[in-house]
């Protein structure tokens, strides 16, 4: 068993949003294997995220993105409180969702949540959102989006 470094504990905590005790316990359980500990914490976080999905989300942000003046995206992402909506993590999530919509052209939210995430195809967009639910501790809902491309006819 390799020694558990404080840097690994700190890194795991930053990536998953878990407490120091949980991060250290996951590293001990995985015998110091950071990747196994990260996978275990993400799985645990996704389970908690599923429980949070029943809570009402009415705060949030409307994000926008334009690409070369040819593609425009608006997306409404809701969370439970204005406090979370103002965090850098939530703003980054909204930005990433805009980029994904611009690049992947989903037809609707349900298709969009099942697509491989453009920044990390190993996970779906839904998993990426659930990861943020676990990290931020609130329910997050991608409510709606609109994508416009120059010259495109509906």
Protein backbone atom coordinates (compact mmCIF):
# COMPACT_ATOMS: atom_id res chain seq x y z
CA UNK A 1 0.00 0.00 0.00
CA UNK A 2 1.37 3.38 -0.97
CA UNK A 3 1.27 6.31 1.42
CA UNK A 4 -1.67 8.68 1.18
CA UNK A 5 -0.38 12.17 0.42
CA UNK A 6 -2.14 15.33 1.53
CA UNK A 7 -1.86 16.55 -2.09
CA UNK A 8 -3.90 13.55 -3.30
CA UNK A 9 -6.51 14.18 -0.59
CA UNK A 10 -6.69 17.87 -1.55
CA UNK A 11 -6.92 17.07 -5.28
CA UNK A 12 -9.65 14.45 -4.76
CA UNK A 13 -11.57 16.90 -2.58
CA UNK A 14 -11.35 19.66 -5.23
CA UNK A 15 -12.48 17.35 -8.04
CA UNK A 16 -15.44 15.86 -6.21
CA UNK A 17 -16.49 18.38 -3.57
CA UNK A 18 -16.37 15.79 -0.76
CA UNK A 19 -14.99 16.50 2.69
CA UNK A 20 -11.40 15.80 3.75
CA UNK A 21 -12.43 12.74 5.78
CA UNK A 22 -14.33 11.19 2.86
CA UNK A 23 -11.50 11.92 0.44
CA UNK A 24 -8.91 10.33 2.72
CA UNK A 25 -11.17 7.31 3.40
CA UNK A 26 -11.64 6.76 -0.34
CA UNK A 27 -7.87 6.86 -0.90
CA UNK A 28 -7.25 4.45 1.98
CA UNK A 29 -9.98 2.10 0.67
CA UNK A 30 -8.44 2.17 -2.82
CA UNK A 31 -4.96 1.51 -1.34
CA UNK A 32 -3.67 4.88 -2.56
CA UNK A 33 -4.88 4.44 -6.17
CA UNK A 34 -6.08 7.96 -7.01
CA UNK A 35 -8.09 6.93 -10.09
CA UNK A 36 -10.00 4.21 -8.18
CA UNK A 37 -10.70 6.66 -5.34
CA UNK A 38 -11.93 9.28 -7.81
CA UNK A 39 -14.25 6.76 -9.49
CA UNK A 40 -15.64 5.67 -6.11
CA UNK A 41 -16.27 9.27 -5.03
CA UNK A 42 -17.95 10.12 -8.34
CA UNK A 43 -20.21 7.08 -8.02
CA UNK A 44 -21.09 8.05 -4.45
CA UNK A 45 -21.73 11.63 -5.59
CA UNK A 46 -24.00 10.49 -8.43
CA UNK A 47 -26.09 8.50 -5.94
CA UNK A 48 -26.49 11.61 -3.77
CA UNK A 49 -27.30 13.64 -6.89
CA UNK A 50 -30.18 11.29 -7.73
CA UNK A 51 -31.68 11.97 -4.28
CA UNK A 52 -31.40 15.73 -4.81
CA UNK A 53 -33.23 15.60 -8.14
CA UNK A 54 -36.59 15.79 -6.37
CA UNK A 55 -35.88 19.23 -4.91
CA UNK A 56 -37.25 22.32 -6.66
CA UNK A 57 -34.82 24.36 -8.76
CA UNK A 58 -36.04 27.89 -9.60
CA UNK A 59 -32.86 30.01 -9.37
CA UNK A 60 -30.04 29.74 -11.90
CA UNK A 61 -28.62 31.38 -15.00
CA UNK A 62 -29.31 31.87 -18.66
CA UNK A 63 -26.04 31.31 -20.47
CA UNK A 64 -25.16 32.42 -23.98
CA UNK A 65 -22.48 31.59 -26.50
CA UNK A 66 -21.73 32.65 -30.06
CA UNK A 67 -19.24 30.93 -32.33
CA UNK A 68 -17.67 33.05 -35.09
CA UNK A 69 -20.92 34.99 -35.44
CA UNK A 70 -22.41 31.92 -37.17
CA UNK A 71 -23.82 29.85 -34.28
CA UNK A 72 -25.66 31.19 -31.24
CA UNK A 73 -26.82 29.32 -28.15
CA UNK A 74 -29.00 30.27 -25.17
CA UNK A 75 -29.46 27.79 -22.32
CA UNK A 76 -31.44 28.03 -19.08
CA UNK A 77 -29.90 26.06 -16.22
CA UNK A 78 -31.68 26.11 -12.87
CA UNK A 79 -30.46 25.42 -9.34
CA UNK A 80 -32.05 25.84 -5.92
CA UNK A 81 -30.41 29.09 -4.72
CA UNK A 82 -28.91 32.30 -6.06
CA UNK A 83 -25.87 31.55 -3.90
CA UNK A 84 -24.99 28.49 -6.01
CA UNK A 85 -25.94 30.26 -9.26
CA UNK A 86 -23.24 32.85 -8.53
CA UNK A 87 -20.43 30.33 -7.97
CA UNK A 88 -17.66 29.88 -10.51
CA UNK A 89 -18.42 26.14 -10.69
CA UNK A 90 -22.04 26.74 -11.71
CA UNK A 91 -21.07 29.43 -14.22
CA UNK A 92 -18.51 27.04 -15.73
CA UNK A 93 -21.18 24.33 -16.01
CA UNK A 94 -23.50 26.70 -17.89
CA UNK A 95 -20.65 27.76 -20.19
CA UNK A 96 -19.71 24.13 -20.89
CA UNK A 97 -23.33 23.28 -21.67
CA UNK A 98 -23.50 26.17 -24.17
CA UNK A 99 -20.34 24.91 -25.87
CA UNK A 100 -21.73 21.39 -26.00
CA UNK A 101 -25.00 22.55 -27.56
CA UNK A 102 -23.15 24.62 -30.16
CA UNK A 103 -20.90 21.69 -31.11
CA UNK A 104 -23.34 18.77 -30.89
CA UNK A 105 -26.64 20.17 -32.14
CA UNK A 106 -28.98 18.21 -29.81
CA UNK A 107 -32.66 18.28 -30.79
CA UNK A 108 -34.00 18.57 -27.23
CA UNK A 109 -32.94 18.42 -23.58
CA UNK A 110 -33.61 14.69 -23.13
CA UNK A 111 -31.47 13.79 -26.19
CA UNK A 112 -28.90 16.35 -25.08
CA UNK A 113 -28.53 14.80 -21.56
CA UNK A 114 -27.88 11.36 -23.09
CA UNK A 115 -25.19 12.52 -25.52
CA UNK A 116 -21.50 11.92 -24.86
CA UNK A 117 -20.16 15.16 -23.37
CA UNK A 118 -18.09 17.02 -25.96
CA UNK A 119 -15.26 17.81 -23.49
CA UNK A 120 -15.13 14.25 -22.10
CA UNK A 121 -16.87 11.65 -24.33
CA UNK A 122 -16.39 8.99 -21.63
CA UNK A 123 -19.31 10.56 -19.73
CA UNK A 124 -22.75 11.75 -20.82
CA UNK A 125 -23.93 15.32 -20.44
CA UNK A 126 -26.35 14.04 -17.79
CA UNK A 127 -23.47 12.54 -15.81
CA UNK A 128 -21.58 15.84 -16.10
CA UNK A 129 -24.60 17.68 -14.67
CA UNK A 130 -24.97 15.08 -11.88
CA UNK A 131 -21.30 15.53 -11.02
CA UNK A 132 -22.02 19.23 -10.45
CA UNK A 133 -25.12 18.39 -8.40
CA UNK A 134 -22.90 16.31 -6.12
CA UNK A 135 -20.17 18.94 -6.00
CA UNK A 136 -22.48 21.93 -5.38
CA UNK A 137 -24.98 20.13 -3.14
CA UNK A 138 -28.09 21.32 -4.97
CA UNK A 139 -30.46 20.04 -7.61
CA UNK A 140 -29.54 21.34 -11.07
CA UNK A 141 -31.89 21.18 -14.05
CA UNK A 142 -31.18 21.98 -17.68
CA UNK A 143 -34.57 23.56 -18.36
CA UNK A 144 -34.37 24.53 -22.05
CA UNK A 145 -32.09 25.76 -24.78
CA UNK A 146 -32.14 27.32 -28.20
CA UNK A 147 -29.50 26.94 -30.90
CA UNK A 148 -29.42 29.13 -34.01
CA UNK A 149 -27.07 28.64 -36.96
CA UNK A 150 -26.62 31.21 -39.70
CA UNK A 151 -28.44 30.24 -42.91
CA UNK A 152 -30.18 27.28 -41.28
CA UNK A 153 -33.83 26.86 -42.17
CA UNK A 154 -36.18 25.33 -39.61
